[in-house]
């Protein structure tokens, strides 16, 4: 399982997090639950399967160049 930090509205539940992140309930560690980390920022922690993490919008995308190299005029 991978531990995620997510921003959710105040008073969010585990079901809210599952719906917002478009996860299947079996991809979440329900025993760990949804843990409030910072109420002022709306930050919560939850654990998800490695598969869900790899396929999710919250995964760490590769950073690659975009477009052709620019001529610096030298």
N, C-alpha and C. Protein backbone atom coordinates (compact mmCIF):
# COMPACT_ATOMS: atom_id res chain seq x y z
N UNK A 1 0.84 -1.19 0.00
CA UNK A 1 0.00 0.00 0.00
C UNK A 1 0.88 1.25 0.00
N UNK A 2 0.38 2.28 -0.65
CA UNK A 2 1.06 3.57 -0.77
C UNK A 2 0.27 4.59 0.04
N UNK A 3 0.96 5.40 0.82
CA UNK A 3 0.30 6.44 1.61
C UNK A 3 0.22 7.71 0.77
N UNK A 4 -1.00 8.22 0.60
CA UNK A 4 -1.23 9.45 -0.16
C UNK A 4 -1.67 10.57 0.77
N UNK A 5 -1.35 11.78 0.40
CA UNK A 5 -1.91 12.96 1.04
C UNK A 5 -2.80 13.62 0.00
N UNK A 6 -4.05 13.87 0.37
CA UNK A 6 -5.01 14.47 -0.55
C UNK A 6 -5.71 15.64 0.12
N UNK A 7 -6.16 16.57 -0.69
CA UNK A 7 -6.92 17.72 -0.19
C UNK A 7 -8.40 17.44 -0.44
N UNK A 8 -9.18 17.49 0.64
CA UNK A 8 -10.61 17.22 0.57
C UNK A 8 -11.36 18.28 1.37
N UNK A 9 -12.68 18.40 1.15
CA UNK A 9 -13.47 19.36 1.91
C UNK A 9 -13.51 18.98 3.40
N UNK A 10 -13.76 19.96 4.26
CA UNK A 10 -13.86 19.68 5.69
C UNK A 10 -14.91 18.60 5.97
N UNK A 11 -14.58 17.71 6.91
CA UNK A 11 -15.52 16.66 7.30
C UNK A 11 -15.62 15.51 6.32
N UNK A 12 -14.68 15.42 5.38
CA UNK A 12 -14.73 14.35 4.37
C UNK A 12 -14.64 12.97 5.04
N UNK A 13 -15.27 12.01 4.40
CA UNK A 13 -15.23 10.63 4.87
C UNK A 13 -14.37 9.80 3.92
N UNK A 14 -14.09 8.58 4.31
CA UNK A 14 -13.35 7.68 3.43
C UNK A 14 -14.11 7.47 2.14
N UNK A 15 -15.42 7.35 2.22
CA UNK A 15 -16.23 7.18 1.01
C UNK A 15 -16.12 8.41 0.09
N UNK A 16 -16.05 9.60 0.69
CA UNK A 16 -15.86 10.82 -0.10
C UNK A 16 -14.53 10.77 -0.85
N UNK A 17 -13.48 10.34 -0.16
CA UNK A 17 -12.16 10.24 -0.78
C UNK A 17 -12.15 9.23 -1.91
N UNK A 18 -12.77 8.08 -1.69
CA UNK A 18 -12.83 7.04 -2.72
C UNK A 18 -13.55 7.58 -3.96
N UNK A 19 -14.65 8.28 -3.75
CA UNK A 19 -15.41 8.84 -4.87
C UNK A 19 -14.63 9.93 -5.59
N UNK A 20 -14.03 10.84 -4.84
CA UNK A 20 -13.30 11.95 -5.43
C UNK A 20 -12.10 11.47 -6.24
N UNK A 21 -11.40 10.43 -5.74
CA UNK A 21 -10.23 9.91 -6.42
C UNK A 21 -10.56 8.84 -7.45
N UNK A 22 -11.85 8.54 -7.58
CA UNK A 22 -12.34 7.55 -8.55
C UNK A 22 -11.65 6.20 -8.35
N UNK A 23 -11.64 5.75 -7.09
CA UNK A 23 -11.05 4.46 -6.73
C UNK A 23 -12.14 3.43 -6.50
N UNK A 24 -11.78 2.18 -6.63
CA UNK A 24 -12.66 1.10 -6.20
C UNK A 24 -12.41 0.89 -4.72
N UNK A 25 -13.44 0.61 -3.95
CA UNK A 25 -13.27 0.43 -2.50
C UNK A 25 -12.21 -0.60 -2.13
N UNK A 26 -12.02 -1.63 -2.96
CA UNK A 26 -11.02 -2.64 -2.63
C UNK A 26 -9.58 -2.15 -2.86
N UNK A 27 -9.42 -0.97 -3.47
CA UNK A 27 -8.09 -0.41 -3.70
C UNK A 27 -7.62 0.45 -2.52
N UNK A 28 -8.45 0.57 -1.49
CA UNK A 28 -8.17 1.42 -0.34
C UNK A 28 -8.04 0.58 0.92
N UNK A 29 -7.10 0.94 1.78
CA UNK A 29 -6.94 0.26 3.06
C UNK A 29 -7.97 0.82 4.03
N UNK A 30 -9.10 0.15 4.13
CA UNK A 30 -10.19 0.63 4.98
C UNK A 30 -9.85 0.53 6.46
N UNK A 31 -8.95 -0.39 6.82
CA UNK A 31 -8.52 -0.49 8.22
C UNK A 31 -7.72 0.75 8.62
N UNK A 32 -6.94 1.30 7.70
CA UNK A 32 -6.18 2.53 7.96
C UNK A 32 -7.15 3.71 7.99
N UNK A 33 -8.09 3.71 7.04
CA UNK A 33 -9.10 4.76 6.99
C UNK A 33 -8.58 6.05 6.38
N UNK A 34 -9.32 7.11 6.64
CA UNK A 34 -8.97 8.45 6.19
C UNK A 34 -8.52 9.23 7.42
N UNK A 35 -7.30 9.73 7.41
CA UNK A 35 -6.71 10.38 8.58
C UNK A 35 -6.56 11.87 8.30
N UNK A 36 -7.16 12.68 9.15
CA UNK A 36 -7.02 14.13 9.03
C UNK A 36 -5.62 14.53 9.45
N UNK A 37 -4.89 15.18 8.54
CA UNK A 37 -3.52 15.59 8.81
C UNK A 37 -3.46 17.07 9.19
N UNK A 38 -4.11 17.90 8.38
CA UNK A 38 -4.09 19.35 8.62
C UNK A 38 -5.48 19.92 8.33
N UNK A 39 -6.27 20.18 9.36
CA UNK A 39 -7.64 20.65 9.12
C UNK A 39 -7.69 22.02 8.44
N UNK A 40 -6.70 22.89 8.70
CA UNK A 40 -6.71 24.21 8.08
C UNK A 40 -6.49 24.14 6.57
N UNK A 41 -5.73 23.15 6.13
CA UNK A 41 -5.44 22.98 4.71
C UNK A 41 -6.35 21.94 4.05
N UNK A 42 -7.14 21.22 4.83
CA UNK A 42 -8.00 20.16 4.28
C UNK A 42 -7.20 18.97 3.80
N UNK A 43 -6.07 18.68 4.45
CA UNK A 43 -5.21 17.57 4.04
C UNK A 43 -5.54 16.31 4.84
N UNK A 44 -5.67 15.22 4.10
CA UNK A 44 -5.97 13.92 4.67
C UNK A 44 -4.98 12.90 4.13
N UNK A 45 -4.76 11.84 4.89
CA UNK A 45 -3.93 10.74 4.43
C UNK A 45 -4.78 9.50 4.27
N UNK A 46 -4.49 8.70 3.26
CA UNK A 46 -5.12 7.40 3.09
C UNK A 46 -4.16 6.50 2.33
N UNK A 47 -4.36 5.22 2.50
CA UNK A 47 -3.49 4.25 1.84
C UNK A 47 -4.25 3.59 0.70
N UNK A 48 -3.57 3.50 -0.46
CA UNK A 48 -4.16 2.87 -1.64
C UNK A 48 -3.22 1.79 -2.15
N UNK A 49 -3.77 0.89 -2.94
CA UNK A 49 -2.95 -0.18 -3.52
C UNK A 49 -1.93 0.43 -4.48
N UNK A 50 -0.86 -0.29 -4.68
CA UNK A 50 0.17 0.17 -5.61
C UNK A 50 -0.41 0.30 -7.02
N UNK A 51 -1.27 -0.63 -7.39
CA UNK A 51 -1.91 -0.58 -8.72
C UNK A 51 -2.73 0.70 -8.88
N UNK A 52 -3.52 1.04 -7.87
CA UNK A 52 -4.32 2.27 -7.94
C UNK A 52 -3.44 3.49 -8.02
N UNK A 53 -2.34 3.49 -7.28
CA UNK A 53 -1.41 4.61 -7.30
C UNK A 53 -0.79 4.78 -8.68
N UNK A 54 -0.36 3.67 -9.28
CA UNK A 54 0.27 3.74 -10.61
C UNK A 54 -0.70 4.23 -11.68
N UNK A 55 -1.97 3.86 -11.57
CA UNK A 55 -2.95 4.19 -12.60
C UNK A 55 -3.68 5.49 -12.33
N UNK A 56 -3.51 6.08 -11.15
CA UNK A 56 -4.28 7.25 -10.77
C UNK A 56 -3.74 8.55 -11.29
N UNK A 57 -4.59 9.55 -11.27
CA UNK A 57 -4.19 10.89 -11.68
C UNK A 57 -3.20 11.50 -10.70
N UNK A 58 -3.08 10.91 -9.51
CA UNK A 58 -2.18 11.43 -8.50
C UNK A 58 -0.81 10.78 -8.56
N UNK A 59 -0.59 9.90 -9.54
CA UNK A 59 0.72 9.26 -9.65
C UNK A 59 1.75 10.27 -10.14
N UNK A 60 3.00 9.94 -10.01
CA UNK A 60 4.10 10.82 -10.37
C UNK A 60 4.41 10.66 -11.86
N UNK A 61 3.94 11.58 -12.70
CA UNK A 61 4.16 11.43 -14.13
C UNK A 61 5.61 11.71 -14.52
N UNK A 62 6.02 11.13 -15.62
CA UNK A 62 7.36 11.38 -16.15
C UNK A 62 7.44 12.82 -16.63
N UNK A 63 8.58 13.45 -16.44
CA UNK A 63 8.80 14.81 -16.93
C UNK A 63 9.65 14.70 -18.17
N UNK A 64 9.12 15.21 -19.28
CA UNK A 64 9.79 15.10 -20.55
C UNK A 64 9.78 16.44 -21.26
N UNK A 65 10.74 16.70 -22.15
CA UNK A 65 10.74 17.95 -22.91
C UNK A 65 9.48 18.05 -23.77
N UNK A 66 9.06 19.28 -24.01
CA UNK A 66 7.89 19.52 -24.85
C UNK A 66 8.31 20.44 -25.99
N UNK A 67 8.03 20.00 -27.21
CA UNK A 67 8.31 20.83 -28.37
C UNK A 67 9.75 20.76 -28.83
N UNK A 68 10.04 21.41 -29.97
CA UNK A 68 11.42 21.37 -30.52
C UNK A 68 12.35 22.26 -29.70
N UNK A 69 13.64 21.96 -29.74
CA UNK A 69 14.60 22.83 -29.04
C UNK A 69 14.59 24.22 -29.66
N UNK A 70 14.77 25.22 -28.83
CA UNK A 70 14.79 26.58 -29.34
C UNK A 70 16.22 26.99 -29.71
N UNK A 71 16.32 27.75 -30.80
CA UNK A 71 17.62 28.27 -31.22
C UNK A 71 17.93 29.49 -30.35
N UNK A 72 19.08 29.45 -29.67
CA UNK A 72 19.42 30.57 -28.78
C UNK A 72 20.17 31.68 -29.52
N UNK A 73 20.34 31.57 -30.84
CA UNK A 73 20.95 32.61 -31.64
C UNK A 73 22.47 32.67 -31.62
N UNK A 74 23.11 31.66 -31.08
CA UNK A 74 24.59 31.67 -31.04
C UNK A 74 25.19 31.11 -32.29
